[in-house]
Every structure is written in structure tokens, then in C-alpha cells.
Amino acid sequence: MEKLYTVLVCALFLSCMEATKTKVNVVEKTTSVQEIPVSQLKKELDERGFQTFDYVDEKTKDTLLMQQYFIAFLKKGPNRSSSKEEVDSLQRLHLAHLGRMYEEGFADISGPFGDDGEIRGITIYNVPNLQMADSLAKMDPMVKSGRLTIEIHPWWAAKGFKLR
């Protein structure tokens, strides 16, 4: 089993190393994910109620399409005295909720923070407005139970860029 684990870790490492060798031009005439012209993507986002704007990168002179997202900060809530069984059940429901948000296209990324601070994690919602992000975040069983609270802020990011 340890040998299999070592092989998998090495394969993942080599895969990541190979990915970093490939130069990716993230500003193109089309988006790499949907392969549609940026002008068409902007029109579709605007029609669906998303806030967008164009930004010219001074260094490259490329025009980037910026979109507004919403970051939900998941913070410690007032109800922290649940039993281990309750917390385990809520965690399973919480992860199912976040998975559903991702699968349905409402959230692009979620994750916990690595410390034991007041802010426990984030979710980036890919929705047209703050009210929708707030409503979806409040559907989280951890939020409903009071174990977590939410704080949401608008956040802008360029379309087509990926985490690396």
C-alpha cells in the first residue's frame, strides 16, 4: 500500500511539473473553457444579469473581461456546543451542500482555512447578484444551525484565468 501511495504522489508531482512547463496564454480571443468569443461571453453574461467590464492590461495591452463574483466568508457562529455526532452530521450535510452548489454552477470554488481562526473558509459564488449569493449561502446546513455565519463581499476576477 505504501508503494502505491508513493507512486501516486510521484505521478501527481510529475503531472504538476509538466503542467508548469507549458506556457499558457490566458488572454485570448476566445475563452479556453467554453471556446466562445469574449464579446459573445460578455453579451451572454450581461443578458443573464452579471456585472462585467473590460480592463486593459497596461503591460500586455490585452483587453480582459472582468466579472463580478461574490465571496462568502464562513465564520464561526454562536452555536459551537454541538455533540461530535451532530458536528459530523452537519459536516457531511455542509460538504453535500457545497458539492451541489458546484455541480449546479452556482459556486466555483470552496475550501476551509488551515488555521483555527474566526474565518473558517470561503466559497466563491458565480451568480448575478448579492441577494442570490446570500440566499444560497444561507441554505448551508452549517449556517442554518448557527455553527457558521456568513459575510459576503463582491469580488472581481478576469475570465479565463485559473488558479495555479
Protein backbone atom coordinates (compact mmCIF):
# COMPACT_ATOMS: atom_id res chain seq x y z
CA MET A 1 0.00 0.00 0.00
CA GLU A 2 2.84 2.40 0.85
CA LYS A 3 4.42 1.68 -2.53
CA LEU A 4 1.14 2.52 -4.33
CA TYR A 5 0.87 5.75 -2.34
CA THR A 6 4.44 6.72 -3.27
CA VAL A 7 3.76 6.00 -6.96
CA LEU A 8 0.59 8.11 -6.88
CA VAL A 9 2.33 11.03 -5.16
CA CYS A 10 5.20 10.88 -7.70
CA ALA A 11 2.74 10.75 -10.61
CA LEU A 12 0.86 13.77 -9.25
CA PHE A 13 4.13 15.66 -8.72
CA LEU A 14 5.35 14.91 -12.25
CA SER A 15 1.98 15.88 -13.69
CA CYS A 16 2.14 19.23 -11.87
CA MET A 17 5.72 19.77 -13.03
CA GLU A 18 4.74 19.07 -16.64
CA ALA A 19 1.80 21.47 -16.37
CA THR A 20 4.08 24.26 -15.17
CA LYS A 21 6.40 23.77 -18.17
CA THR A 22 3.57 24.55 -20.58
CA LYS A 23 3.20 28.25 -21.25
CA VAL A 24 -0.48 29.16 -21.29
CA ASN A 25 -1.74 32.35 -22.88
CA VAL A 26 -4.71 33.14 -20.65
CA VAL A 27 -5.81 36.20 -22.62
CA GLU A 28 -7.10 35.04 -25.97
CA LYS A 29 -9.81 35.95 -28.42
CA THR A 30 -11.82 33.03 -27.03
CA THR A 31 -12.10 31.53 -23.57
CA SER A 32 -10.36 28.19 -23.15
CA VAL A 33 -13.24 26.70 -21.17
CA GLN A 34 -16.20 27.50 -23.40
CA GLU A 35 -14.39 28.27 -26.68
CA ILE A 36 -16.64 31.22 -27.49
CA PRO A 37 -15.51 34.74 -28.39
CA VAL A 38 -15.06 37.02 -25.39
CA SER A 39 -17.52 39.51 -26.90
CA GLN A 40 -20.18 36.80 -27.02
CA LEU A 41 -19.38 35.70 -23.46
CA LYS A 42 -19.69 39.31 -22.28
CA LYS A 43 -23.05 39.67 -24.04
CA GLU A 44 -24.35 36.40 -22.52
CA LEU A 45 -23.19 37.34 -19.01
CA ASP A 46 -24.71 40.82 -19.31
CA GLU A 47 -28.02 39.33 -20.54
CA ARG A 48 -28.08 36.98 -17.52
CA GLY A 49 -27.64 39.93 -15.15
CA PHE A 50 -23.94 39.55 -14.32
CA GLN A 51 -21.84 42.68 -13.82
CA THR A 52 -18.87 42.87 -16.20
CA PHE A 53 -16.37 45.39 -17.52
CA ASP A 54 -13.36 45.42 -19.82
CA TYR A 55 -9.92 46.13 -18.43
CA VAL A 56 -6.82 46.87 -20.49
CA ASP A 57 -3.65 45.39 -19.00
CA GLU A 58 -1.05 48.18 -19.21
CA LYS A 59 1.84 45.75 -19.53
CA THR A 60 0.46 43.41 -22.23
CA LYS A 61 -2.12 45.78 -23.76
CA ASP A 62 -4.58 42.85 -23.73
CA THR A 63 -8.22 43.57 -23.01
CA LEU A 64 -9.52 41.39 -20.18
CA LEU A 65 -13.15 40.67 -19.42
CA MET A 66 -13.75 41.18 -15.71
CA GLN A 67 -16.75 39.59 -13.97
CA GLN A 68 -18.19 40.23 -10.54
CA TYR A 69 -18.35 37.19 -8.24
CA PHE A 70 -19.29 37.01 -4.57
CA ILE A 71 -17.02 35.64 -1.85
CA ALA A 72 -18.79 34.21 1.18
CA PHE A 73 -16.59 34.12 4.25
CA LEU A 74 -17.77 31.32 6.53
CA LYS A 75 -17.17 32.46 10.10
CA LYS A 76 -17.58 30.82 13.49
CA GLY A 77 -21.19 31.13 14.56
CA PRO A 78 -22.76 31.42 18.00
CA ASN A 79 -23.79 27.74 18.21
CA ARG A 80 -20.50 25.90 18.86
CA SER A 81 -21.64 23.47 21.58
CA SER A 82 -22.90 20.57 19.44
CA SER A 83 -22.02 16.93 20.14
CA LYS A 84 -19.45 15.17 17.96
CA GLU A 85 -22.24 13.22 16.25
CA GLU A 86 -24.13 16.43 15.45
CA VAL A 87 -20.99 18.13 14.15
CA ASP A 88 -20.10 15.10 11.99
CA SER A 89 -23.63 15.03 10.55
CA LEU A 90 -23.61 18.78 9.90
CA GLN A 91 -20.20 18.49 8.22
CA ARG A 92 -21.48 15.80 5.84
CA LEU A 93 -24.52 17.96 5.01
CA HIS A 94 -22.30 21.05 4.64
CA LEU A 95 -20.00 19.27 2.17
CA ALA A 96 -23.01 17.93 0.24
CA HIS A 97 -24.42 21.46 0.02
CA LEU A 98 -21.10 22.86 -1.26
CA GLY A 99 -20.82 19.99 -3.76
CA ARG A 100 -24.33 20.68 -5.01
CA MET A 101 -23.54 24.41 -5.37
CA TYR A 102 -20.51 23.50 -7.51
CA GLU A 103 -22.36 20.89 -9.59
CA GLU A 104 -25.23 23.27 -10.30
CA GLY A 105 -22.81 26.01 -11.37
CA PHE A 106 -23.56 28.43 -8.52
CA ALA A 107 -20.15 28.16 -6.82
CA ASP A 108 -16.75 27.91 -8.47
CA ILE A 109 -14.54 27.04 -5.53
CA SER A 110 -14.86 26.38 -1.80
CA GLY A 111 -12.44 25.47 0.91
CA PRO A 112 -11.51 25.73 4.56
CA PHE A 113 -8.71 27.83 6.02
CA GLY A 114 -5.79 26.00 7.58
CA ASP A 115 -5.84 27.72 10.94
CA ASP A 116 -8.33 27.78 13.78
CA GLY A 117 -9.26 31.43 13.27
CA GLU A 118 -12.60 33.20 13.25
CA ILE A 119 -12.96 32.77 9.48
CA ARG A 120 -13.33 29.05 8.79
CA GLY A 121 -13.45 29.02 4.96
CA ILE A 122 -14.70 30.63 1.77
CA THR A 123 -16.97 29.93 -1.15
CA ILE A 124 -16.83 31.93 -4.37
CA TYR A 125 -20.32 32.22 -5.83
CA ASN A 126 -20.69 32.69 -9.58
CA VAL A 127 -24.14 34.31 -9.54
CA PRO A 128 -25.53 37.61 -10.86
CA ASN A 129 -26.18 39.39 -7.57
CA LEU A 130 -25.52 39.61 -3.86
CA GLN A 131 -29.05 38.55 -2.92
CA MET A 132 -28.69 35.23 -4.77
CA ALA A 133 -25.26 34.53 -3.23
CA ASP A 134 -26.65 35.35 0.22
CA SER A 135 -29.67 33.09 -0.27
CA LEU A 136 -27.56 30.16 -1.47
CA ALA A 137 -25.03 30.59 1.35
CA LYS A 138 -27.84 30.66 3.92
CA MET A 139 -29.07 27.28 2.63
CA ASP A 140 -25.88 25.68 4.02
CA PRO A 141 -26.84 23.40 6.94
CA MET A 142 -23.89 24.71 8.99
CA VAL A 143 -25.25 28.26 8.57
CA LYS A 144 -28.83 27.18 9.29
CA SER A 145 -27.68 25.50 12.50
CA GLY A 146 -25.81 28.61 13.67
CA ARG A 147 -22.47 26.80 13.75
CA LEU A 148 -21.29 29.12 10.97
CA THR A 149 -22.31 32.62 9.90
CA ILE A 150 -21.65 34.24 6.55
CA GLU A 151 -20.20 37.52 5.39
CA ILE A 152 -20.40 38.16 1.65
CA HIS A 153 -18.43 40.63 -0.45
CA PRO A 154 -18.44 41.39 -4.19
CA TRP A 155 -15.18 40.37 -5.85
CA TRP A 156 -13.92 40.91 -9.40
CA ALA A 157 -11.83 38.47 -11.44
CA ALA A 158 -10.76 38.18 -15.06
CA LYS A 159 -12.50 35.49 -17.10
CA GLY A 160 -10.26 32.66 -18.27
CA PHE A 161 -7.67 32.86 -15.50
CA LYS A 162 -7.12 29.75 -13.40
CA LEU A 163 -5.65 29.05 -10.01
CA ARG A 164 -2.09 27.86 -10.22
